[in-house]
Amino acid sequence: MRPILTLVTLSTLIFASLPAASAEEKASTVKDGNKVSIEYTLTLEDGSTADSNVGGEPLVYQHGGGQMIPAFETAVTDMALNEVKEFTLAPKDGYGEIREELRNEMDASLIPEEARVVGTQLMSADPQGNQRPVTVYAVNGDKVVMDYNHPLAGQSLHFKVKILNIE
């Protein structure tokens, strides 16, 4: 009977001697209002990398503050410190489907001659001075069709995200 008591005592001592988890080990999870630092890679359906900060500066944003695509924030909610997650957003949950009404024909003379090439991206400003990218969609003689859809509209977005810091 003596050895059983020794095992119970020994196991109690072992558990009692384990150090308490540090703040880092008690990783908090991402919630609205947190300042979150992430490492990410964004790839498209064809496997091409659209954007990545791996090996560079972390992307820091206020979770729930409207700085990120809402479906991205939903996918990242409740992730823990150092957790890695991969997820795909359908076009409707990313930058939207392509909207034909956002393609406008204009006089080619309004576009610099060297930019009158399909696929060229330019910046456009609205009357309030807000800038957004536009793409030359088609060139038809003295007319150019400009596409005001987001460059990633109509694309499924595959993210690989690692949580680097949560404040």
Protein backbone atom coordinates (compact mmCIF):
# COMPACT_ATOMS: atom_id res chain seq x y z
CA MET A 1 0.00 0.00 0.00
CA ARG A 2 2.87 2.33 0.67
CA PRO A 3 3.88 2.66 -3.05
CA ILE A 4 0.37 3.84 -4.04
CA LEU A 5 0.52 6.62 -1.48
CA THR A 6 3.94 7.55 -2.78
CA LEU A 7 2.61 7.76 -6.37
CA VAL A 8 -0.29 9.93 -5.29
CA THR A 9 2.05 12.16 -3.36
CA LEU A 10 4.58 12.24 -6.19
CA SER A 11 1.94 13.10 -8.81
CA THR A 12 0.60 15.84 -6.55
CA LEU A 13 4.09 17.25 -6.24
CA ILE A 14 4.65 17.09 -9.99
CA PHE A 15 1.42 18.95 -10.73
CA ALA A 16 2.08 21.44 -7.98
CA SER A 17 5.56 22.14 -9.35
CA LEU A 18 4.39 23.01 -12.88
CA PRO A 19 4.84 26.73 -13.46
CA ALA A 20 1.75 28.83 -13.97
CA ALA A 21 1.07 29.76 -17.59
CA SER A 22 2.60 33.07 -18.59
CA ALA A 23 0.52 35.86 -20.13
CA GLU A 24 1.76 34.80 -23.58
CA GLU A 25 0.79 31.18 -22.96
CA LYS A 26 -2.68 32.33 -21.89
CA ALA A 27 -3.09 33.73 -25.39
CA SER A 28 -6.06 36.02 -25.59
CA THR A 29 -8.23 35.75 -28.63
CA VAL A 30 -9.12 38.36 -31.21
CA LYS A 31 -12.24 40.36 -30.31
CA ASP A 32 -13.79 43.63 -31.45
CA GLY A 33 -11.77 46.57 -30.17
CA ASN A 34 -8.44 44.71 -30.11
CA LYS A 35 -5.42 46.16 -31.90
CA VAL A 36 -4.30 43.11 -33.90
CA SER A 37 -0.98 42.51 -35.68
CA ILE A 38 -0.98 39.85 -38.39
CA GLU A 39 1.20 38.21 -40.97
CA TYR A 40 -0.73 37.19 -44.07
CA THR A 41 -0.59 35.96 -47.62
CA LEU A 42 -3.45 36.52 -50.06
CA THR A 43 -3.62 34.19 -53.05
CA LEU A 44 -6.13 34.05 -55.89
CA GLU A 45 -7.88 31.11 -57.56
CA ASP A 46 -5.10 30.75 -60.13
CA GLY A 47 -2.57 30.29 -57.29
CA SER A 48 -0.94 33.67 -57.81
CA THR A 49 -0.02 35.75 -54.77
CA ALA A 50 -1.95 39.02 -54.79
CA ASP A 51 -0.38 40.37 -51.60
CA SER A 52 1.77 39.25 -48.68
CA ASN A 53 3.65 40.79 -45.78
CA VAL A 54 5.53 37.61 -44.80
CA GLY A 55 9.08 38.63 -43.95
CA GLY A 56 8.07 42.27 -43.69
CA GLU A 57 6.25 44.55 -41.30
CA PRO A 58 3.09 43.15 -39.69
CA LEU A 59 -0.29 44.52 -40.73
CA VAL A 60 -1.80 46.24 -37.69
CA TYR A 61 -5.51 47.06 -37.55
CA GLN A 62 -8.33 47.72 -35.08
CA HIS A 63 -10.53 44.60 -35.10
CA GLY A 64 -14.17 45.53 -35.66
CA GLY A 65 -13.22 49.06 -36.69
CA GLY A 66 -14.23 48.69 -40.34
CA GLN A 67 -10.65 48.75 -41.61
CA MET A 68 -10.81 45.21 -42.99
CA ILE A 69 -13.31 43.29 -45.14
CA PRO A 70 -16.13 42.25 -42.74
CA ALA A 71 -15.89 38.54 -43.70
CA PHE A 72 -12.12 38.67 -43.06
CA GLU A 73 -12.76 39.99 -39.55
CA THR A 74 -15.37 37.29 -38.96
CA ALA A 75 -12.84 34.61 -39.96
CA VAL A 76 -10.15 36.06 -37.68
CA THR A 77 -12.45 36.57 -34.65
CA ASP A 78 -11.50 34.25 -31.76
CA MET A 79 -8.09 33.35 -33.24
CA ALA A 80 -5.40 33.10 -30.56
CA LEU A 81 -1.90 34.52 -30.38
CA ASN A 82 0.43 32.68 -32.82
CA GLU A 83 -2.50 30.77 -34.34
CA VAL A 84 -2.36 30.21 -38.11
CA LYS A 85 -5.54 29.88 -40.13
CA GLU A 86 -6.36 29.54 -43.82
CA PHE A 87 -9.73 30.54 -45.23
CA THR A 88 -11.29 31.51 -48.55
CA LEU A 89 -13.74 34.35 -49.12
CA ALA A 90 -16.15 34.11 -52.04
CA PRO A 91 -16.31 37.23 -54.25
CA LYS A 92 -19.55 38.38 -52.58
CA ASP A 93 -17.75 38.30 -49.20
CA GLY A 94 -14.57 39.93 -50.51
CA TYR A 95 -14.58 42.85 -52.92
CA GLY A 96 -17.90 41.96 -54.50
CA GLU A 97 -18.97 40.62 -57.84
CA ILE A 98 -18.04 42.52 -60.98
CA ARG A 99 -20.66 45.18 -61.67
CA GLU A 100 -21.02 46.13 -65.33
CA GLU A 101 -22.44 49.54 -64.39
CA LEU A 102 -19.02 50.41 -62.97
CA ARG A 103 -17.50 50.29 -66.45
CA ASN A 104 -17.70 53.63 -68.23
CA GLU A 105 -16.71 54.66 -71.74
CA MET A 106 -14.92 57.97 -72.10
CA ASP A 107 -13.00 59.94 -74.68
CA ALA A 108 -9.50 58.51 -75.05
CA SER A 109 -8.03 62.03 -74.99
CA LEU A 110 -8.83 62.13 -71.25
CA ILE A 111 -6.37 59.28 -70.64
CA PRO A 112 -2.61 59.72 -71.12
CA GLU A 113 -1.60 58.07 -74.39
CA GLU A 114 0.91 55.72 -72.72
CA ALA A 115 -1.85 54.51 -70.37
CA ARG A 116 -4.29 53.55 -73.14
CA VAL A 117 -3.41 49.87 -72.77
CA VAL A 118 -5.83 47.23 -71.50
CA GLY A 119 -4.98 46.35 -67.89
CA THR A 120 -3.26 49.63 -67.06
CA GLN A 121 -4.18 50.81 -63.57
CA LEU A 122 -4.61 54.48 -62.83
CA MET A 123 -5.85 56.46 -59.85
CA SER A 124 -9.11 58.37 -60.06
CA ALA A 125 -10.32 61.02 -57.63
CA ASP A 126 -13.96 61.84 -56.86
CA PRO A 127 -15.11 65.44 -56.22
CA GLN A 128 -14.27 65.04 -52.50
CA GLY A 129 -10.69 64.06 -53.35
CA ASN A 130 -11.06 60.37 -52.42
CA GLN A 131 -8.81 58.28 -54.64
CA ARG A 132 -9.47 54.80 -55.95
CA PRO A 133 -7.83 52.56 -58.52
CA VAL A 134 -9.36 52.28 -61.98
CA THR A 135 -8.34 49.93 -64.76
CA VAL A 136 -8.33 50.38 -68.53
CA TYR A 137 -10.82 47.68 -69.55
CA ALA A 138 -10.98 48.25 -73.32
CA VAL A 139 -9.60 50.60 -75.96
CA ASN A 140 -11.87 51.21 -78.95
CA GLY A 141 -10.28 53.79 -81.24
CA ASP A 142 -10.98 57.20 -79.73
CA LYS A 143 -12.89 55.69 -76.78
CA VAL A 144 -11.57 53.97 -73.65
CA VAL A 145 -13.66 51.88 -71.27
CA MET A 146 -12.58 52.40 -67.66
CA ASP A 147 -13.41 49.81 -65.00
CA TYR A 148 -14.16 51.27 -61.56
CA ASN A 149 -14.65 47.86 -59.91
CA HIS A 150 -12.10 47.03 -57.23
CA PRO A 151 -9.15 45.23 -58.92
CA LEU A 152 -10.00 42.07 -56.91
CA ALA A 153 -13.77 42.19 -57.58
CA GLY A 154 -15.08 38.87 -58.86
CA GLN A 155 -12.17 36.97 -57.31
CA SER A 156 -12.23 34.35 -54.55
CA LEU A 157 -9.66 35.41 -51.95
CA HIS A 158 -7.61 32.75 -50.12
CA PHE A 159 -5.93 34.02 -46.96
CA LYS A 160 -3.31 32.46 -44.74
CA VAL A 161 -3.18 34.51 -41.52
CA LYS A 162 -0.99 34.29 -38.42
CA ILE A 163 -1.83 36.32 -35.31
CA LEU A 164 1.38 38.03 -34.15
CA ASN A 165 0.02 40.28 -31.40
CA ILE A 166 -3.27 41.12 -29.71
CA GLU A 167 -3.63 44.26 -27.57
